[in-house]
Amino acid sequence: MELITPSQPKAQEILGSAYGFSNEDCEVLKDWLDPILGEIPPKLDLVANRRRVRTDYIKLRSDLTSATLFDEFSRTLMS
């Protein structure tokens, strides 16, 4: 993680494939990726009716390969 963590964290969102990992391991990976996120203003999740936490901005999918991840999030990645 030290190799990919920038000296000035600034990512607003992280998308990734964790193909074959368990959901529990994905939660551990989210904690490892958290330092890459920059400052995130507090936001309310209207669907869940709660304040969003930092790990809400890290989306890991254990059911998608890297290629299918690009297909799934193509609009998100283009914006």
PDB file of N, CA and C in Angstrom:
ATOM      1  N   MET A   1       0.826  -1.191   0.000  1.00  0.00           N
ATOM      2  CA  MET A   1       0.000   0.000   0.000  1.00  0.00           C
ATOM      3  C   MET A   1       0.874   1.260   0.000  1.00  0.00           C
ATOM      4  N   GLU A   2       2.041   1.164   0.619  1.00  0.00           N
ATOM      5  CA  GLU A   2       2.932   2.324   0.633  1.00  0.00           C
ATOM      6  C   GLU A   2       3.334   2.737  -0.775  1.00  0.00           C
ATOM      7  N   LEU A   3       3.462   1.780  -1.671  1.00  0.00           N
ATOM      8  CA  LEU A   3       3.868   2.085  -3.042  1.00  0.00           C
ATOM      9  C   LEU A   3       2.809   2.865  -3.816  1.00  0.00           C
ATOM     10  N   ILE A   4       1.534   2.623  -3.535  1.00  0.00           N
ATOM     11  CA  ILE A   4       0.490   3.302  -4.303  1.00  0.00           C
ATOM     12  C   ILE A   4      -0.126   4.493  -3.574  1.00  0.00           C
ATOM     13  N   THR A   5       0.257   4.716  -2.321  1.00  0.00           N
ATOM     14  CA  THR A   5      -0.292   5.841  -1.574  1.00  0.00           C
ATOM     15  C   THR A   5       0.466   7.112  -1.928  1.00  0.00           C
ATOM     16  N   PRO A   6      -0.218   8.105  -2.499  1.00  0.00           N
ATOM     17  CA  PRO A   6       0.465   9.356  -2.845  1.00  0.00           C
ATOM     18  C   PRO A   6       0.874  10.126  -1.600  1.00  0.00           C
ATOM     19  N   SER A   7       1.875  10.984  -1.747  1.00  0.00           N
ATOM     20  CA  SER A   7       2.321  11.775  -0.598  1.00  0.00           C
ATOM     21  C   SER A   7       1.248  12.775  -0.176  1.00  0.00           C
ATOM     22  N   GLN A   8       0.447  13.239  -1.116  1.00  0.00           N
ATOM     23  CA  GLN A   8      -0.675  14.141  -0.831  1.00  0.00           C
ATOM     24  C   GLN A   8      -1.971  13.448  -1.249  1.00  0.00           C
ATOM     25  N   PRO A   9      -2.601  12.671  -0.349  1.00  0.00           N
ATOM     26  CA  PRO A   9      -3.841  11.978  -0.728  1.00  0.00           C
ATOM     27  C   PRO A   9      -4.893  12.956  -1.237  1.00  0.00           C
ATOM     28  N   LYS A  10      -5.514  12.608  -2.364  1.00  0.00           N
ATOM     29  CA  LYS A  10      -6.503  13.523  -2.918  1.00  0.00           C
ATOM     30  C   LYS A  10      -7.636  12.855  -3.675  1.00  0.00           C
ATOM     31  N   ALA A  11      -7.704  11.534  -3.705  1.00  0.00           N
ATOM     32  CA  ALA A  11      -8.780  10.856  -4.418  1.00  0.00           C
ATOM     33  C   ALA A  11     -10.118  11.175  -3.763  1.00  0.00           C
ATOM     34  N   GLN A  12     -11.129  11.371  -4.578  1.00  0.00           N
ATOM     35  CA  GLN A  12     -12.479  11.622  -4.070  1.00  0.00           C
ATOM     36  C   GLN A  12     -13.300  10.347  -3.991  1.00  0.00           C
ATOM     37  N   GLU A  13     -12.895   9.351  -4.781  1.00  0.00           N
ATOM     38  CA  GLU A  13     -13.591   8.075  -4.799  1.00  0.00           C
ATOM     39  C   GLU A  13     -12.625   7.029  -5.345  1.00  0.00           C
ATOM     40  N   ILE A  14     -12.755   5.799  -4.873  1.00  0.00           N
ATOM     41  CA  ILE A  14     -11.919   4.704  -5.342  1.00  0.00           C
ATOM     42  C   ILE A  14     -12.827   3.577  -5.808  1.00  0.00           C
ATOM     43  N   LEU A  15     -12.600   3.116  -7.034  1.00  0.00           N
ATOM     44  CA  LEU A  15     -13.319   1.978  -7.599  1.00  0.00           C
ATOM     45  C   LEU A  15     -12.307   0.872  -7.821  1.00  0.00           C
ATOM     46  N   GLY A  16     -12.671  -0.357  -7.497  1.00  0.00           N
ATOM     47  CA  GLY A  16     -11.709  -1.432  -7.708  1.00  0.00           C
ATOM     48  C   GLY A  16     -12.334  -2.798  -7.760  1.00  0.00           C
ATOM     49  N   SER A  17     -11.613  -3.700  -8.408  1.00  0.00           N
ATOM     50  CA  SER A  17     -11.999  -5.100  -8.451  1.00  0.00           C
ATOM     51  C   SER A  17     -11.261  -5.833  -7.336  1.00  0.00           C
ATOM     52  N   ALA A  18     -11.997  -6.615  -6.599  1.00  0.00           N
ATOM     53  CA  ALA A  18     -11.416  -7.492  -5.580  1.00  0.00           C
ATOM     54  C   ALA A  18     -11.897  -8.901  -5.900  1.00  0.00           C
ATOM     55  N   TYR A  19     -11.803  -9.234  -7.178  1.00  0.00           N
ATOM     56  CA  TYR A  19     -12.361 -10.488  -7.696  1.00  0.00           C
ATOM     57  C   TYR A  19     -11.872 -11.681  -6.889  1.00  0.00           C
ATOM     58  N   GLY A  20     -12.828 -12.458  -6.400  1.00  0.00           N
ATOM     59  CA  GLY A  20     -12.510 -13.658  -5.652  1.00  0.00           C
ATOM     60  C   GLY A  20     -12.308 -13.445  -4.159  1.00  0.00           C
ATOM     61  N   PHE A  21     -12.261 -12.204  -3.706  1.00  0.00           N
ATOM     62  CA  PHE A  21     -12.118 -11.923  -2.276  1.00  0.00           C
ATOM     63  C   PHE A  21     -13.474 -12.049  -1.592  1.00  0.00           C
ATOM     64  N   SER A  22     -13.463 -12.362  -0.333  1.00  0.00           N
ATOM     65  CA  SER A  22     -14.711 -12.421   0.439  1.00  0.00           C
ATOM     66  C   SER A  22     -15.169 -10.999   0.761  1.00  0.00           C
ATOM     67  N   ASN A  23     -16.434 -10.850   1.127  1.00  0.00           N
ATOM     68  CA  ASN A  23     -16.940  -9.535   1.528  1.00  0.00           C
ATOM     69  C   ASN A  23     -16.198  -9.015   2.749  1.00  0.00           C
ATOM     70  N   GLU A  24     -15.847  -9.910   3.654  1.00  0.00           N
ATOM     71  CA  GLU A  24     -15.100  -9.507   4.852  1.00  0.00           C
ATOM     72  C   GLU A  24     -13.720  -8.976   4.481  1.00  0.00           C
ATOM     73  N   ASP A  25     -13.050  -9.656   3.529  1.00  0.00           N
ATOM     74  CA  ASP A  25     -11.743  -9.185   3.089  1.00  0.00           C
ATOM     75  C   ASP A  25     -11.852  -7.847   2.359  1.00  0.00           C
ATOM     76  N   CYS A  26     -12.948  -7.629   1.661  1.00  0.00           N
ATOM     77  CA  CYS A  26     -13.159  -6.337   0.990  1.00  0.00           C
ATOM     78  C   CYS A  26     -13.223  -5.210   2.015  1.00  0.00           C
ATOM     79  N   GLU A  27     -13.822  -5.461   3.159  1.00  0.00           N
ATOM     80  CA  GLU A  27     -13.875  -4.443   4.212  1.00  0.00           C
ATOM     81  C   GLU A  27     -12.470  -4.124   4.729  1.00  0.00           C
ATOM     82  N   VAL A  28     -11.622  -5.148   4.848  1.00  0.00           N
ATOM     83  CA  VAL A  28     -10.236  -4.932   5.258  1.00  0.00           C
ATOM     84  C   VAL A  28      -9.501  -4.119   4.195  1.00  0.00           C
ATOM     85  N   LEU A  29      -9.713  -4.454   2.935  1.00  0.00           N
ATOM     86  CA  LEU A  29      -9.075  -3.708   1.850  1.00  0.00           C
ATOM     87  C   LEU A  29      -9.513  -2.245   1.845  1.00  0.00           C
ATOM     88  N   LYS A  30     -10.770  -1.987   2.141  1.00  0.00           N
ATOM     89  CA  LYS A  30     -11.250  -0.603   2.214  1.00  0.00           C
ATOM     90  C   LYS A  30     -10.484   0.182   3.279  1.00  0.00           C
ATOM     91  N   ASP A  31     -10.233  -0.447   4.410  1.00  0.00           N
ATOM     92  CA  ASP A  31      -9.456   0.222   5.457  1.00  0.00           C
ATOM     93  C   ASP A  31      -8.036   0.518   4.979  1.00  0.00           C
ATOM     94  N   TRP A  32      -7.455  -0.395   4.216  1.00  0.00           N
ATOM     95  CA  TRP A  32      -6.103  -0.168   3.679  1.00  0.00           C
ATOM     96  C   TRP A  32      -6.092   0.958   2.650  1.00  0.00           C
ATOM     97  N   LEU A  33      -7.172   1.084   1.875  1.00  0.00           N
ATOM     98  CA  LEU A  33      -7.241   2.101   0.827  1.00  0.00           C
ATOM     99  C   LEU A  33      -7.624   3.480   1.357  1.00  0.00           C
ATOM    100  N   ASP A  34      -8.179   3.547   2.534  1.00  0.00           N
ATOM    101  CA  ASP A  34      -8.651   4.816   3.103  1.00  0.00           C
ATOM    102  C   ASP A  34      -7.609   5.937   3.060  1.00  0.00           C
ATOM    103  N   PRO A  35      -6.316   5.684   3.343  1.00  0.00           N
ATOM    104  CA  PRO A  35      -5.344   6.788   3.320  1.00  0.00           C
ATOM    105  C   PRO A  35      -5.176   7.466   1.961  1.00  0.00           C
ATOM    106  N   ILE A  36      -5.624   6.822   0.884  1.00  0.00           N
ATOM    107  CA  ILE A  36      -5.509   7.425  -0.442  1.00  0.00           C
ATOM    108  C   ILE A  36      -6.553   8.515  -0.648  1.00  0.00           C
ATOM    109  N   LEU A  37      -7.668   8.423   0.083  1.00  0.00           N
ATOM    110  CA  LEU A  37      -8.712   9.443  -0.039  1.00  0.00           C
ATOM    111  C   LEU A  37      -8.237  10.769   0.537  1.00  0.00           C
ATOM    112  N   GLY A  38      -8.583  11.836  -0.155  1.00  0.00           N
ATOM    113  CA  GLY A  38      -8.287  13.161   0.360  1.00  0.00           C
ATOM    114  C   GLY A  38      -9.371  13.618   1.319  1.00  0.00           C
ATOM    115  N   GLU A  39      -9.434  14.906   1.531  1.00  0.00           N
ATOM    116  CA  GLU A  39     -10.459  15.496   2.392  1.00  0.00           C
ATOM    117  C   GLU A  39     -11.812  15.369   1.709  1.00  0.00           C
ATOM    118  N   ILE A  40     -12.779  14.824   2.420  1.00  0.00           N
ATOM    119  CA  ILE A  40     -14.118  14.639   1.861  1.00  0.00           C
ATOM    120  C   ILE A  40     -15.114  15.382   2.735  1.00  0.00           C
ATOM    121  N   PRO A  41     -15.864  16.315   2.124  1.00  0.00           N
ATOM    122  CA  PRO A  41     -16.863  17.037   2.912  1.00  0.00           C
ATOM    123  C   PRO A  41     -17.973  16.105   3.367  1.00  0.00           C
ATOM    124  N   PRO A  42     -18.538  16.344   4.543  1.00  0.00           N
ATOM    125  CA  PRO A  42     -19.614  15.484   5.040  1.00  0.00           C
ATOM    126  C   PRO A  42     -20.828  15.539   4.115  1.00  0.00           C
ATOM    127  N   LYS A  43     -21.403  14.387   3.844  1.00  0.00           N
ATOM    128  CA  LYS A  43     -22.597  14.301   3.003  1.00  0.00           C
ATOM    129  C   LYS A  43     -23.586  13.356   3.654  1.00  0.00           C
ATOM    130  N   LEU A  44     -24.842  13.577   3.351  1.00  0.00           N
ATOM    131  CA  LEU A  44     -25.909  12.722   3.869  1.00  0.00           C
ATOM    132  C   LEU A  44     -26.288  11.721   2.794  1.00  0.00           C
ATOM    133  N   ASP A  45     -26.395  10.455   3.164  1.00  0.00           N
ATOM    134  CA  ASP A  45     -26.872   9.410   2.270  1.00  0.00           C
ATOM    135  C   ASP A  45     -28.382   9.362   2.436  1.00  0.00           C
ATOM    136  N   LEU A  46     -29.096   9.896   1.447  1.00  0.00           N
ATOM    137  CA  LEU A  46     -30.550  10.001   1.562  1.00  0.00           C
ATOM    138  C   LEU A  46     -31.239   8.647   1.496  1.00  0.00           C
ATOM    139  N   VAL A  47     -30.642   7.684   0.828  1.00  0.00           N
ATOM    140  CA  VAL A  47     -31.244   6.356   0.731  1.00  0.00           C
ATOM    141  C   VAL A  47     -31.163   5.646   2.082  1.00  0.00           C
ATOM    142  N   ALA A  48     -29.985   5.684   2.702  1.00  0.00           N
ATOM    143  CA  ALA A  48     -29.794   5.003   3.985  1.00  0.00           C
ATOM    144  C   ALA A  48     -30.167   5.894   5.171  1.00  0.00           C
ATOM    145  N   ASN A  49     -30.437   7.177   4.890  1.00  0.00           N
ATOM    146  CA  ASN A  49     -30.790   8.151   5.924  1.00  0.00           C
ATOM    147  C   ASN A  49     -29.726   8.208   7.030  1.00  0.00           C
ATOM    148  N   ARG A  50     -28.497   8.373   6.600  1.00  0.00           N
ATOM    149  CA  ARG A  50     -27.383   8.483   7.544  1.00  0.00           C
ATOM    150  C   ARG A  50     -26.275   9.308   6.904  1.00  0.00           C
ATOM    151  N   ARG A  51     -25.365   9.739   7.712  1.00  0.00           N
ATOM    152  CA  ARG A  51     -24.203  10.476   7.218  1.00  0.00           C
ATOM    153  C   ARG A  51     -23.230   9.491   6.573  1.00  0.00           C
ATOM    154  N   ARG A  52     -22.707   9.846   5.421  1.00  0.00           N
ATOM    155  CA  ARG A  52     -21.757   8.964   4.736  1.00  0.00           C
ATOM    156  C   ARG A  52     -20.432   8.947   5.482  1.00  0.00           C
ATOM    157  N   VAL A  53     -19.821   7.778   5.506  1.00  0.00           N
ATOM    158  CA  VAL A  53     -18.498   7.628   6.115  1.00  0.00           C
ATOM    159  C   VAL A  53     -17.477   7.452   4.999  1.00  0.00           C
ATOM    160  N   ARG A  54     -16.203   7.582   5.343  1.00  0.00           N
ATOM    161  CA  ARG A  54     -15.153   7.555   4.332  1.00  0.00           C
ATOM    162  C   ARG A  54     -15.168   6.284   3.481  1.00  0.00           C
ATOM    163  N   THR A  55     -15.419   5.150   4.099  1.00  0.00           N
ATOM    164  CA  THR A  55     -15.389   3.915   3.321  1.00  0.00           C
ATOM    165  C   THR A  55     -16.553   3.800   2.330  1.00  0.00           C
ATOM    166  N   ASP A  56     -17.564   4.657   2.445  1.00  0.00           N
ATOM    167  CA  ASP A  56     -18.632   4.693   1.446  1.00  0.00           C
ATOM    168  C   ASP A  56     -18.096   5.169   0.097  1.00  0.00           C
ATOM    169  N   TYR A  57     -16.966   5.845   0.102  1.00  0.00           N
ATOM    170  CA  TYR A  57     -16.369   6.380  -1.127  1.00  0.00           C
ATOM    171  C   TYR A  57     -15.394   5.393  -1.761  1.00  0.00           C
ATOM    172  N   ILE A  58     -15.277   4.205  -1.174  1.00  0.00           N
ATOM    173  CA  ILE A  58     -14.424   3.152  -1.725  1.00  0.00           C
ATOM    174  C   ILE A  58     -15.339   2.010  -2.137  1.00  0.00           C
ATOM    175  N   LYS A  59     -15.415   1.772  -3.432  1.00  0.00           N
ATOM    176  CA  LYS A  59     -16.301   0.731  -3.960  1.00  0.00           C
ATOM    177  C   LYS A  59     -15.447  -0.404  -4.502  1.00  0.00           C
ATOM    178  N   LEU A  60     -15.452  -1.516  -3.800  1.00  0.00           N
ATOM    179  CA  LEU A  60     -14.756  -2.722  -4.230  1.00  0.00           C
ATOM    180  C   LEU A  60     -15.798  -3.777  -4.562  1.00  0.00           C
ATOM    181  N   ARG A  61     -15.626  -4.427  -5.688  1.00  0.00           N
ATOM    182  CA  ARG A  61     -16.570  -5.459  -6.106  1.00  0.00           C
ATOM    183  C   ARG A  61     -15.834  -6.777  -6.239  1.00  0.00           C
ATOM    184  N   SER A  62     -16.222  -7.747  -5.435  1.00  0.00           N
ATOM    185  CA  SER A  62     -15.581  -9.058  -5.472  1.00  0.00           C
ATOM    186  C   SER A  62     -16.156  -9.944  -6.573  1.00  0.00           C
ATOM    187  N   ASP A  63     -17.238  -9.492  -7.199  1.00  0.00           N
ATOM    188  CA  ASP A  63     -17.875 -10.282  -8.253  1.00  0.00           C
ATOM    189  C   ASP A  63     -17.462  -9.845  -9.655  1.00  0.00           C
ATOM    190  N   LEU A  64     -16.615  -8.819  -9.756  1.00  0.00           N
ATOM    191  CA  LEU A  64     -16.222  -8.292 -11.057  1.00  0.00           C
ATOM    192  C   LEU A  64     -14.720  -8.427 -11.288  1.00  0.00           C
ATOM    193  N   THR A  65     -14.356  -8.867 -12.490  1.00  0.00           N
ATOM    194  CA  THR A  65     -12.947  -8.823 -12.882  1.00  0.00           C
ATOM    195  C   THR A  65     -12.623  -7.379 -13.261  1.00  0.00           C
ATOM    196  N   SER A  66     -11.374  -7.107 -13.522  1.00  0.00           N
ATOM    197  CA  SER A  66     -10.993  -5.741 -13.913  1.00  0.00           C
ATOM    198  C   SER A  66     -11.727  -5.308 -15.175  1.00  0.00           C
ATOM    199  N   ALA A  67     -11.821  -6.199 -16.159  1.00  0.00           N
ATOM    200  CA  ALA A  67     -12.494  -5.852 -17.414  1.00  0.00           C
ATOM    201  C   ALA A  67     -13.973  -5.559 -17.197  1.00  0.00           C
ATOM    202  N   THR A  68     -14.649  -6.407 -16.422  1.00  0.00           N
ATOM    203  CA  THR A  68     -16.078  -6.172 -16.196  1.00  0.00           C
ATOM    204  C   THR A  68     -16.310  -4.975 -15.285  1.00  0.00           C
ATOM    205  N   LEU A  69     -15.332  -4.648 -14.450  1.00  0.00           N
ATOM    206  CA  LEU A  69     -15.438  -3.447 -13.625  1.00  0.00           C
ATOM    207  C   LEU A  69     -15.502  -2.204 -14.513  1.00  0.00           C
ATOM    208  N   PHE A  70     -14.656  -2.173 -15.547  1.00  0.00           N
ATOM    209  CA  PHE A  70     -14.680  -1.037 -16.476  1.00  0.00           C
ATOM    210  C   PHE A  70     -16.022  -0.952 -17.191  1.00  0.00           C
ATOM    211  N   ASP A  71     -16.590  -2.086 -17.565  1.00  0.00           N
ATOM    212  CA  ASP A  71     -17.915  -2.080 -18.198  1.00  0.00           C
ATOM    213  C   ASP A  71     -18.981  -1.568 -17.230  1.00  0.00           C
ATOM    214  N   GLU A  72     -18.959  -2.059 -15.999  1.00  0.00           N
ATOM    215  CA  GLU A  72     -19.956  -1.704 -14.992  1.00  0.00           C
ATOM    216  C   GLU A  72     -19.920  -0.215 -14.640  1.00  0.00           C
ATOM    217  N   PHE A  73     -18.728   0.349 -14.535  1.00  0.00           N
ATOM    218  CA  PHE A  73     -18.571   1.730 -14.096  1.00  0.00           C
ATOM    219  C   PHE A  73     -18.138   2.670 -15.225  1.00  0.00           C
ATOM    220  N   SER A  74     -18.419   2.320 -16.462  1.00  0.00           N
ATOM    221  CA  SER A  74     -17.946   3.133 -17.589  1.00  0.00           C
ATOM    222  C   SER A  74     -18.440   4.583 -17.530  1.00  0.00           C
ATOM    223  N   ARG A  75     -19.694   4.804 -17.179  1.00  0.00           N
ATOM    224  CA  ARG A  75     -20.202   6.181 -17.107  1.00  0.00           C
ATOM    225  C   ARG A  75     -19.545   6.946 -15.957  1.00  0.00           C
ATOM    226  N   THR A  76     -19.372   6.272 -14.845  1.00  0.00           N
ATOM    227  CA  THR A  76     -18.732   6.893 -13.676  1.00  0.00           C
ATOM    228  C   THR A  76     -17.301   7.289 -14.016  1.00  0.00           C
ATOM    229  N   LEU A  77     -16.586   6.412 -14.704  1.00  0.00           N
ATOM    230  CA  LEU A  77     -15.192   6.684 -15.031  1.00  0.00           C
ATOM    231  C   LEU A  77     -15.047   7.780 -16.065  1.00  0.00           C
ATOM    232  N   MET A  78     -16.043   7.972 -16.911  1.00  0.00           N
ATOM    233  CA  MET A  78     -15.976   8.995 -17.956  1.00  0.00           C
ATOM    234  C   MET A  78     -16.324  10.388 -17.424  1.00  0.00           C
ATOM    235  N   SER A  79     -16.930  10.461 -16.261  1.00  0.00           N
ATOM    236  CA  SER A  79     -17.343  11.785 -15.749  1.00  0.00           C
ATOM    237  C   SER A  79     -16.243  12.440 -14.957  1.00  0.00           C
TER     238      SER A  79
END
